[in-house]
Protein backbone atom coordinates (compact mmCIF):
# COMPACT_ATOMS: atom_id res chain seq x y z
CA UNK A 1 9.03 -35.91 17.24
CA UNK A 2 12.08 -34.01 18.63
CA UNK A 3 13.73 -33.91 15.25
CA UNK A 4 10.62 -32.52 13.63
CA UNK A 5 10.50 -29.77 16.23
CA UNK A 6 14.31 -28.89 15.34
CA UNK A 7 13.53 -28.95 11.64
CA UNK A 8 10.46 -26.56 12.13
CA UNK A 9 12.74 -24.28 14.16
CA UNK A 10 15.20 -24.42 11.47
CA UNK A 11 12.75 -23.66 8.76
CA UNK A 12 11.22 -20.78 10.77
CA UNK A 13 14.58 -19.19 11.26
CA UNK A 14 15.80 -19.76 7.78
CA UNK A 15 12.52 -18.30 6.36
CA UNK A 16 12.89 -15.19 8.53
CA UNK A 17 16.45 -14.68 7.52
CA UNK A 18 15.74 -15.35 3.73
CA UNK A 19 13.03 -12.98 3.70
CA UNK A 20 15.06 -10.19 5.70
CA UNK A 21 18.19 -10.51 3.74
CA UNK A 22 17.18 -11.96 0.33
CA UNK A 23 18.70 -14.94 -1.23
CA UNK A 24 21.85 -13.21 -2.49
CA UNK A 25 22.78 -11.68 0.87
CA UNK A 26 21.98 -14.43 3.15
CA UNK A 27 24.69 -16.83 4.20
CA UNK A 28 24.57 -20.22 5.69
CA UNK A 29 26.96 -19.05 8.30
CA UNK A 30 24.68 -16.19 9.34
CA UNK A 31 21.76 -18.69 9.63
CA UNK A 32 24.03 -21.00 11.75
CA UNK A 33 24.54 -17.91 14.06
CA UNK A 34 20.93 -17.19 14.37
CA UNK A 35 20.36 -20.75 15.13
CA UNK A 36 23.27 -20.70 17.58
CA UNK A 37 24.67 -23.94 16.08
CA UNK A 38 27.61 -24.98 13.83
CA UNK A 39 27.22 -24.30 10.17
CA UNK A 40 27.75 -28.11 9.53
CA UNK A 41 24.56 -28.76 11.45
CA UNK A 42 22.42 -26.76 8.95
CA UNK A 43 23.14 -29.57 6.45
CA UNK A 44 21.23 -32.03 8.64
CA UNK A 45 18.13 -30.27 7.29
CA UNK A 46 19.07 -29.22 3.66
CA UNK A 47 21.91 -29.87 1.20
CA UNK A 48 22.29 -26.36 0.03
CA UNK A 49 21.00 -22.76 0.15
CA UNK A 50 19.46 -23.52 -3.29
CA UNK A 51 17.51 -26.35 -1.80
CA UNK A 52 16.26 -24.10 1.10
CA UNK A 53 15.09 -21.54 -1.54
CA UNK A 54 13.35 -24.42 -3.52
CA UNK A 55 11.76 -25.83 -0.45
CA UNK A 56 10.29 -22.61 0.69
CA UNK A 57 9.13 -21.41 -2.71
CA UNK A 58 7.31 -24.53 -3.68
CA UNK A 59 5.73 -24.90 -0.18
CA UNK A 60 3.89 -21.64 -0.42
CA UNK A 61 3.29 -22.21 -4.26
CA UNK A 62 1.62 -25.50 -3.48
CA UNK A 63 -0.62 -23.86 -0.87
CA UNK A 64 -1.67 -21.23 -3.41
CA UNK A 65 -2.34 -24.10 -5.95
CA UNK A 66 -4.41 -26.05 -3.69
CA UNK A 67 -6.52 -23.01 -2.71
CA UNK A 68 -7.16 -22.02 -6.49
CA UNK A 69 -7.97 -25.51 -7.40
CA UNK A 70 -10.59 -25.60 -4.58
CA UNK A 71 -12.00 -22.32 -5.77
CA UNK A 72 -11.97 -23.44 -9.50
CA UNK A 73 -13.82 -26.48 -8.53
CA UNK A 74 -16.42 -24.90 -6.56
CA UNK A 75 -19.87 -24.12 -7.83
CA UNK A 76 -19.51 -20.47 -6.80
CA UNK A 77 -20.29 -17.61 -9.02
CA UNK A 78 -17.50 -15.65 -10.58
CA UNK A 79 -18.02 -12.94 -7.98
CA UNK A 80 -17.68 -15.47 -5.19
CA UNK A 81 -14.75 -17.05 -6.77
CA UNK A 82 -12.98 -13.79 -6.96
CA UNK A 83 -13.86 -13.06 -3.32
CA UNK A 84 -12.41 -16.47 -2.41
CA UNK A 85 -9.21 -15.59 -4.35
CA UNK A 86 -8.83 -12.36 -2.27
CA UNK A 87 -9.62 -14.19 0.90
CA UNK A 88 -6.88 -16.83 -0.07
CA UNK A 89 -4.28 -14.05 -0.58
CA UNK A 90 -5.18 -12.14 2.59
CA UNK A 91 -4.96 -15.47 4.69
CA UNK A 92 -1.82 -16.76 3.22
CA UNK A 93 -0.34 -13.28 3.75
CA UNK A 94 -1.25 -13.10 7.42
CA UNK A 95 -0.21 -16.65 8.10
CA UNK A 96 3.14 -16.51 6.06
CA UNK A 97 4.32 -13.04 5.51
CA UNK A 98 7.97 -14.03 5.31
CA UNK A 99 7.19 -16.75 2.84
CA UNK A 100 5.17 -14.46 0.66
CA UNK A 101 8.00 -12.08 0.57
CA UNK A 102 10.25 -14.83 -0.65
CA UNK A 103 7.58 -16.13 -3.12
CA UNK A 104 7.18 -12.69 -4.69
CA UNK A 105 10.91 -11.63 -4.80
CA UNK A 106 13.28 -14.53 -4.48
CA UNK A 107 12.04 -16.90 -7.18
CA UNK A 108 14.44 -15.24 -9.67
CA UNK A 109 17.40 -17.10 -7.90
CA UNK A 110 15.98 -20.67 -8.47
CA UNK A 111 18.27 -22.61 -10.69
CA UNK A 112 17.08 -22.53 -14.24
CA UNK A 113 15.14 -25.75 -14.46
CA UNK A 114 13.24 -25.20 -11.19
CA UNK A 115 12.62 -21.63 -12.33
CA UNK A 116 10.88 -22.87 -15.27
CA UNK A 117 8.75 -25.22 -13.29
CA UNK A 118 8.01 -22.28 -10.89
CA UNK A 119 6.94 -19.99 -13.59
CA UNK A 120 4.89 -22.49 -15.42
CA UNK A 121 2.98 -23.12 -12.16
CA UNK A 122 2.64 -19.43 -11.55
CA UNK A 123 1.21 -18.95 -15.09
CA UNK A 124 -1.12 -21.76 -14.43
CA UNK A 125 -2.32 -19.90 -11.34
CA UNK A 126 -2.78 -16.77 -13.02
CA UNK A 127 -4.62 -18.39 -15.97
CA UNK A 128 -7.26 -19.74 -13.40
CA UNK A 129 -7.73 -16.14 -12.23
CA UNK A 130 -8.08 -14.95 -15.79
CA UNK A 131 -10.67 -17.65 -16.29
CA UNK A 132 -12.57 -16.35 -13.37
CA UNK A 133 -12.60 -12.86 -14.83
CA UNK A 134 -13.61 -14.15 -18.11
CA UNK A 135 -16.48 -16.11 -16.92
CA UNK A 136 -17.65 -13.00 -14.86
CA UNK A 137 -17.53 -10.94 -18.06
CA UNK A 138 -19.52 -13.74 -19.97
CA UNK A 139 -22.39 -13.89 -17.29
CA UNK A 140 -22.43 -9.87 -17.13
CA UNK A 141 -21.22 -9.86 -13.54
CA UNK A 142 -17.86 -8.02 -14.48
CA UNK A 143 -17.35 -5.18 -16.79
CA UNK A 144 -16.11 -6.13 -20.10
CA UNK A 145 -12.49 -5.32 -21.04
CA UNK A 146 -9.07 -6.91 -21.65
CA UNK A 147 -9.04 -10.02 -19.42
CA UNK A 148 -5.22 -10.10 -18.95
CA UNK A 149 -5.23 -6.41 -17.91
CA UNK A 150 -7.99 -6.88 -15.43
CA UNK A 151 -6.28 -10.05 -13.97
CA UNK A 152 -3.04 -8.18 -13.53
CA UNK A 153 -4.74 -5.12 -11.77
CA UNK A 154 -6.39 -7.76 -9.33
CA UNK A 155 -3.03 -9.49 -8.69
CA UNK A 156 -1.19 -6.29 -8.27
CA UNK A 157 -3.96 -5.21 -5.82
CA UNK A 158 -3.39 -8.25 -3.64
CA UNK A 159 0.35 -9.13 -3.93
CA UNK A 160 1.75 -5.96 -2.35
CA UNK A 161 0.38 -7.08 1.14
CA UNK A 162 3.51 -8.96 2.08
CA UNK A 163 5.54 -5.62 1.93
CA UNK A 164 3.30 -3.96 4.32
CA UNK A 165 5.06 -5.82 7.31
CA UNK A 166 1.97 -7.18 8.78
CA UNK A 167 3.92 -8.76 11.59
CA UNK A 168 4.30 -5.29 13.01
CA UNK A 169 0.68 -4.18 12.61
CA UNK A 170 -0.84 -5.58 15.68
CA UNK A 171 -4.00 -3.79 15.14
CA UNK A 172 -4.59 -4.90 11.49
CA UNK A 173 -7.62 -7.25 11.38
CA UNK A 174 -7.40 -9.90 8.44
CA UNK A 175 -11.23 -10.00 8.19
CA UNK A 176 -11.42 -6.21 7.89
CA UNK A 177 -8.58 -6.12 5.45
CA UNK A 178 -10.29 -8.82 3.39
CA UNK A 179 -13.50 -6.81 3.26
CA UNK A 180 -11.80 -3.58 2.22
CA UNK A 181 -9.80 -5.21 -0.43
CA UNK A 182 -12.79 -7.31 -1.67
CA UNK A 183 -14.88 -4.20 -1.76
CA UNK A 184 -12.05 -2.21 -3.58
CA UNK A 185 -11.30 -4.71 -6.24
CA UNK A 186 -15.07 -5.60 -6.98
CA UNK A 187 -15.99 -2.03 -7.19
CA UNK A 188 -13.40 -1.74 -10.06
CA UNK A 189 -14.60 -5.10 -11.86
CA UNK A 190 -18.30 -5.49 -11.20
CA UNK A 191 -20.69 -4.44 -13.89
């Protein structure tokens, strides 16, 4: 139990530092200083900075994939599925703003093999959103148009939130943000 607490602390500090500095600028020495430990102690938790990046990126990606799989498997209408996607993004951003920043910006620094895996998974996620859009068009819930364009507009509308520095916006209510974003996005896509 004690070791898990120490690893959780390590991951919390590493996530915050990686989000703040970016992969290229962050050093393991700086992480050790923030943790107030020797640099060698860091390697009790990870083998390398690359492994840390991989761990954090795929952790958040796995959460998104579980969420979209549940949405996809639901009997919801396309409108309700799109609402659930927006809710997933708002919730994930509020729960993990630093991880979302890493997810959006730092994947480029994965080693080539893991980058391919990451991009394939991201494409799979986006394809599921495109399917929701397509289904909404088929049942006349959504305006007709280019599915990929609409999907990209939706994703652009919800991916920026991490950069809003939610941690500093104490008066920002996730339920209100979710409703405002849902209303805004649906007003653009609904027939």
